[in-house]
Amino acid sequence: MRKLAVFNHVSLDGYFVDINGDMSWAKADQGDAEWNTFVSENASGGGVLVFGRTTYDMMASFWPTPFAMENMPAVAEGMNRMPKVVFSRTLDQASWNNTKLVKGDPATEMRKMKSELGKDMVILGSGSIVSQLAQEGLIDEYQFVVNPIVLGKGRTLFDGLKEKLTLKLTRSRTFGNGKVFLCYEPRREGKTQ
């Protein structure tokens, strides 16, 4: 069975976008060589990228551009090459290279995708998709980069979650720029930890 992970930046106060829906703060402080290597390695890891419409529109408007390819060539190459899935009931077509548009219910469609043969998948951004799939127990791993910034207001990845989600830390890494990578798996009922 294919695995589904989440990879997202969050602020110290737990938001993945600010009050205006902006997440450019997560790209600040690119001057850390260790951090830049980590980002490049993640982008070249393969797999299938999963988005909601808002994140898809943002990513599709940036990664295929000459600016992205010139300033972040390894990341841009990976983002443009990897297969992508966008969940949207409002898009008519998905024009970014290697993108499949899925209009059905995200939980139902993700159950199907997880049962198919293929590479593991990772959700980027896409808070509404994250909360829907988390509620259904479909996410196998949560990867967060905690950024040393406090936004005060914004949106969490888990808006609308109806039940508590209990996680266990599986790995972590601290970078010189103050960012901290945290990786969690859901605690499954009845399993000893």
Protein backbone atom coordinates (compact mmCIF):
# COMPACT_ATOMS: atom_id res chain seq x y z
CA MET A 1 0.00 0.00 0.00
CA ARG A 2 1.28 3.47 -0.90
CA LYS A 3 2.00 5.86 1.94
CA LEU A 4 0.77 9.42 2.27
CA ALA A 5 2.81 12.07 4.08
CA VAL A 6 2.37 15.77 4.76
CA PHE A 7 5.29 18.19 4.45
CA ASN A 8 4.61 21.75 5.57
CA HIS A 9 6.20 24.80 7.11
CA VAL A 10 4.55 26.19 10.24
CA SER A 11 5.21 29.21 12.41
CA LEU A 12 6.05 28.91 16.11
CA ASP A 13 2.40 29.68 16.85
CA GLY A 14 1.21 26.86 14.59
CA TYR A 15 0.09 28.58 11.39
CA PHE A 16 0.96 27.41 7.87
CA VAL A 17 -0.25 30.64 6.25
CA ASP A 18 -0.68 34.11 7.70
CA ILE A 19 -3.99 35.98 7.98
CA ASN A 20 -3.76 36.92 4.26
CA GLY A 21 -3.00 33.36 3.11
CA ASP A 22 0.67 34.18 2.50
CA MET A 23 3.48 31.75 3.27
CA SER A 24 6.45 33.63 1.82
CA TRP A 25 7.83 33.89 5.37
CA ALA A 26 8.73 30.19 5.11
CA LYS A 27 11.24 30.96 2.35
CA ALA A 28 13.14 33.52 4.45
CA ASP A 29 16.77 32.91 5.43
CA GLN A 30 17.94 30.76 2.53
CA GLY A 31 21.58 31.50 3.50
CA ASP A 32 22.04 28.26 5.49
CA ALA A 33 23.99 25.75 3.36
CA GLU A 34 22.80 22.75 5.40
CA TRP A 35 19.17 23.90 5.04
CA ASN A 36 19.57 24.47 1.29
CA THR A 37 20.99 20.95 0.88
CA PHE A 38 18.05 19.51 2.86
CA VAL A 39 15.56 21.35 0.62
CA SER A 40 17.30 20.20 -2.58
CA GLU A 41 17.44 16.59 -1.40
CA ASN A 42 13.73 16.64 -0.51
CA ALA A 43 12.82 18.03 -3.93
CA SER A 44 14.77 15.31 -5.74
CA GLY A 45 13.34 12.48 -3.63
CA GLY A 46 10.62 11.47 -6.08
CA GLY A 47 7.10 10.46 -5.25
CA VAL A 48 3.81 12.11 -6.09
CA LEU A 49 2.97 15.65 -4.97
CA VAL A 50 -0.59 16.25 -3.73
CA PHE A 51 -2.28 19.66 -3.58
CA GLY A 52 -5.55 21.42 -3.03
CA ARG A 53 -6.48 24.06 -5.59
CA THR A 54 -5.09 27.10 -3.76
CA THR A 55 -1.65 25.57 -3.16
CA TYR A 56 -1.61 24.11 -6.67
CA ASP A 57 -2.30 27.53 -8.22
CA MET A 58 0.49 29.09 -6.15
CA MET A 59 3.03 26.35 -6.97
CA ALA A 60 2.09 26.13 -10.67
CA SER A 61 2.54 29.89 -11.04
CA PHE A 62 6.07 29.77 -9.58
CA TRP A 63 8.02 26.55 -10.16
CA PRO A 64 7.86 26.43 -13.98
CA THR A 65 9.13 30.03 -14.27
CA PRO A 66 12.61 31.03 -15.44
CA PHE A 67 13.10 32.81 -12.09
CA ALA A 68 12.57 29.56 -10.13
CA MET A 69 14.76 27.56 -12.50
CA GLU A 70 17.56 30.12 -12.28
CA ASN A 71 17.46 30.72 -8.51
CA MET A 72 16.56 27.23 -7.23
CA PRO A 73 17.39 24.87 -10.12
CA ALA A 74 17.42 21.58 -8.16
CA VAL A 75 14.11 22.29 -6.43
CA ALA A 76 12.47 23.63 -9.60
CA GLU A 77 13.60 20.59 -11.60
CA GLY A 78 12.14 18.23 -9.01
CA MET A 79 8.87 20.13 -8.62
CA ASN A 80 8.34 20.27 -12.38
CA ARG A 81 9.36 16.64 -13.03
CA MET A 82 7.42 14.86 -10.28
CA PRO A 83 3.88 13.62 -10.86
CA LYS A 84 1.25 15.78 -9.22
CA VAL A 85 -2.37 15.40 -8.11
CA VAL A 86 -4.63 18.39 -7.49
CA PHE A 87 -7.98 18.01 -5.72
CA SER A 88 -10.41 20.63 -7.00
CA ARG A 89 -14.08 20.86 -7.81
CA THR A 90 -13.59 24.26 -9.46
CA LEU A 91 -10.60 23.81 -11.81
CA ASP A 92 -11.45 22.87 -15.39
CA GLN A 93 -7.96 21.69 -16.21
CA ALA A 94 -4.54 21.34 -14.60
CA SER A 95 -1.90 22.62 -17.00
CA TRP A 96 1.28 22.17 -14.91
CA ASN A 97 3.47 19.35 -16.26
CA ASN A 98 2.54 15.82 -15.02
CA THR A 99 -0.61 16.92 -13.13
CA LYS A 100 -3.75 14.84 -12.69
CA LEU A 101 -6.94 16.73 -11.76
CA VAL A 102 -9.21 14.89 -9.30
CA LYS A 103 -12.71 16.29 -8.80
CA GLY A 104 -14.12 13.63 -6.45
CA ASP A 105 -14.25 13.52 -2.65
CA PRO A 106 -10.63 13.74 -1.39
CA ALA A 107 -10.97 10.97 1.22
CA THR A 108 -12.66 8.53 -1.20
CA GLU A 109 -10.18 9.28 -3.97
CA MET A 110 -7.15 9.06 -1.64
CA ARG A 111 -8.26 5.64 -0.38
CA LYS A 112 -8.28 4.47 -4.02
CA MET A 113 -4.88 6.04 -4.75
CA LYS A 114 -3.29 4.51 -1.64
CA SER A 115 -4.46 1.04 -2.69
CA GLU A 116 -2.97 1.37 -6.19
CA LEU A 117 0.58 0.51 -7.16
CA GLY A 118 2.87 3.49 -7.39
CA LYS A 119 5.17 5.84 -5.55
CA ASP A 120 4.42 7.26 -2.13
CA MET A 121 2.65 10.62 -2.00
CA VAL A 122 3.21 13.87 -0.11
CA ILE A 123 0.82 16.76 0.48
CA LEU A 124 2.34 20.23 0.33
CA GLY A 125 0.40 23.17 1.81
CA SER A 126 -3.28 22.41 1.20
CA GLY A 127 -4.65 22.80 4.73
CA SER A 128 -8.22 21.85 3.80
CA ILE A 129 -7.00 18.61 2.19
CA VAL A 130 -4.73 17.86 5.18
CA SER A 131 -7.55 18.28 7.70
CA GLN A 132 -10.00 16.17 5.65
CA LEU A 133 -7.53 13.31 5.16
CA ALA A 134 -6.22 13.49 8.76
CA GLN A 135 -9.78 13.15 10.05
CA GLU A 136 -10.18 9.99 7.95
CA GLY A 137 -6.90 8.47 9.21
CA LEU A 138 -5.37 8.49 5.73
CA ILE A 139 -2.11 10.31 6.54
CA ASP A 140 0.80 8.04 7.48
CA GLU A 141 3.40 10.68 8.35
CA TYR A 142 3.45 14.36 9.29
CA GLN A 143 6.61 16.32 8.48
CA PHE A 144 6.78 19.89 9.76
CA VAL A 145 9.42 22.56 9.49
CA VAL A 146 8.93 24.89 12.45
CA ASN A 147 10.08 28.38 11.47
CA PRO A 148 11.39 30.88 14.03
CA ILE A 149 8.59 33.37 13.42
CA VAL A 150 5.37 34.24 15.25
CA LEU A 151 2.53 35.31 12.95
CA GLY A 152 -0.10 36.16 15.56
CA LYS A 153 -2.96 35.14 13.27
CA GLY A 154 -3.36 32.78 10.36
CA ARG A 155 -4.68 29.36 9.48
CA THR A 156 -3.65 26.00 10.88
CA LEU A 157 -3.41 22.83 8.83
CA PHE A 158 -6.06 21.24 10.99
CA ASP A 159 -8.96 23.72 10.81
CA GLY A 160 -12.18 21.73 11.06
CA LEU A 161 -10.63 18.62 12.62
CA LYS A 162 -13.38 17.02 14.71
CA GLU A 163 -11.31 14.62 16.81
CA LYS A 164 -7.99 14.86 18.59
CA LEU A 165 -5.03 13.59 16.58
CA THR A 166 -2.32 11.98 18.71
CA LEU A 167 1.13 11.68 17.15
CA LYS A 168 4.51 10.22 18.09
CA LEU A 169 7.81 11.84 17.17
CA THR A 170 9.95 9.61 14.92
CA ARG A 171 12.82 11.97 14.02
CA SER A 172 13.95 15.57 14.25
CA ARG A 173 16.69 17.85 12.97
CA THR A 174 17.75 21.38 13.85
CA PHE A 175 19.29 23.80 11.34
CA GLY A 176 21.59 26.76 11.89
CA ASN A 177 18.97 29.17 10.56
CA GLY A 178 16.67 28.28 13.48
CA LYS A 179 14.33 26.03 11.52
CA VAL A 180 13.50 22.67 13.13
CA PHE A 181 12.33 19.63 11.16
CA LEU A 182 9.92 17.36 13.07
CA CYS A 183 8.53 14.08 11.78
CA TYR A 184 5.54 12.34 13.39
CA GLU A 185 3.42 9.25 12.82
CA PRO A 186 -0.14 8.81 14.07
CA ARG A 187 -0.50 6.75 17.21
CA ARG A 188 -2.78 3.89 16.29
CA GLU A 189 -5.27 2.66 18.87
CA GLY A 190 -4.27 -0.66 20.41
CA LYS A 191 -0.58 -0.42 19.40
CA THR A 192 2.08 -0.28 22.07
CA GLN A 193 4.66 2.40 21.56
